[in-house]
Amino acid sequence: MDAQTSYQWLGKLLVYLELSGASNDRKTFNGALALLADGVAGNEHSVRFEDLLARIPDYFELDEPSLPPVAPPIRRSSIGYFTDD
């Protein structure tokens, strides 16, 4: 892998980690650098960026994303049909 591709992938990893809730500090940078170095070691031509993303939980402890509720809670109410007016 050439240097330009390595820098691009490192930048993408750091942006992904930041958007996933990781702090933007030296520890995160060093972890992303180690992940990239370990991911391309030995098989520089066959590695894919998706493979690196799959290995992120081995290097970082990220919070699980919390999903919003699918719908608001159901509450009984009336919409005005059959009124005695």
Protein backbone atom coordinates (compact mmCIF):
# COMPACT_ATOMS: atom_id res chain seq x y z
CA MET A 1 0.00 0.00 0.00
CA ASP A 2 1.40 3.37 -0.92
CA ALA A 3 1.75 6.26 1.51
CA GLN A 4 -1.10 8.30 0.04
CA THR A 5 -3.60 5.46 0.44
CA SER A 6 -2.38 4.85 3.99
CA TYR A 7 -2.91 8.50 4.91
CA GLN A 8 -6.37 8.49 3.36
CA TRP A 9 -7.39 5.36 5.24
CA LEU A 10 -5.98 6.72 8.49
CA GLY A 11 -8.02 9.88 8.00
CA LYS A 12 -11.16 7.87 7.27
CA LEU A 13 -10.58 5.72 10.37
CA LEU A 14 -10.16 8.79 12.56
CA VAL A 15 -13.32 10.42 11.21
CA TYR A 16 -15.27 7.18 11.69
CA LEU A 17 -14.01 6.86 15.25
CA GLU A 18 -14.83 10.47 16.06
CA LEU A 19 -18.37 10.10 14.70
CA SER A 20 -18.72 6.86 16.67
CA GLY A 21 -18.06 8.68 19.93
CA ALA A 22 -14.34 8.08 20.46
CA SER A 23 -12.39 10.98 21.88
CA ASN A 24 -10.09 12.80 19.49
CA ASP A 25 -6.79 12.39 21.33
CA ARG A 26 -3.38 10.77 21.07
CA LYS A 27 -4.61 7.40 22.34
CA THR A 28 -7.23 7.21 19.58
CA PHE A 29 -4.68 8.24 16.96
CA ASN A 30 -2.19 5.62 18.11
CA GLY A 31 -4.91 2.96 18.18
CA ALA A 32 -6.02 3.84 14.65
CA LEU A 33 -2.42 3.75 13.49
CA ALA A 34 -1.92 0.32 15.09
CA LEU A 35 -5.16 -0.93 13.54
CA LEU A 36 -4.04 0.23 10.12
CA ALA A 37 -0.55 -1.24 10.52
CA ASP A 38 -1.85 -4.60 11.75
CA GLY A 39 -4.57 -4.69 9.12
CA VAL A 40 -2.25 -4.29 6.17
CA ALA A 41 0.68 -6.30 7.55
CA GLY A 42 1.53 -9.10 5.18
CA ASN A 43 -1.36 -8.65 2.74
CA GLU A 44 -1.01 -5.09 1.51
CA HIS A 45 -2.68 -5.72 -1.83
CA SER A 46 -5.73 -7.67 -0.70
CA VAL A 47 -6.89 -5.64 2.31
CA ARG A 48 -10.13 -3.68 2.10
CA PHE A 49 -11.21 -0.73 4.20
CA GLU A 50 -14.33 -2.63 5.27
CA ASP A 51 -12.05 -5.25 6.84
CA LEU A 52 -10.44 -2.55 8.95
CA LEU A 53 -13.85 -1.27 10.07
CA ALA A 54 -14.80 -4.79 11.12
CA ARG A 55 -11.72 -4.94 13.39
CA ILE A 56 -12.44 -1.69 15.24
CA PRO A 57 -14.07 -3.45 18.25
CA ASP A 58 -10.76 -5.31 18.79
CA TYR A 59 -8.94 -2.00 19.30
CA PHE A 60 -11.55 0.39 20.71
CA GLU A 61 -14.41 0.22 23.18
CA LEU A 62 -17.18 2.25 21.62
CA ASP A 63 -20.64 2.76 23.06
CA GLU A 64 -23.46 0.90 21.41
CA PRO A 65 -25.63 3.25 19.41
CA SER A 66 -28.96 3.91 21.08
CA LEU A 67 -31.87 3.64 18.70
CA PRO A 68 -34.78 6.03 19.02
CA PRO A 69 -38.23 4.56 19.62
CA VAL A 70 -39.97 3.39 16.49
CA ALA A 71 -43.23 5.16 17.35
CA PRO A 72 -44.53 7.27 20.20
CA PRO A 73 -46.27 5.41 23.00
CA ILE A 74 -49.90 4.61 22.32
CA ARG A 75 -52.32 6.59 24.47
CA ARG A 76 -56.06 6.32 24.39
CA SER A 77 -57.75 9.48 23.27
CA SER A 78 -60.61 10.77 21.21
CA ILE A 79 -60.37 12.56 17.90
CA GLY A 80 -63.86 14.01 18.11
CA TYR A 81 -66.03 11.50 16.21
CA PHE A 82 -69.52 10.81 17.55
CA THR A 83 -69.77 13.88 19.72
CA ASP A 84 -73.10 14.95 21.21
CA ASP A 85 -73.14 18.40 19.57
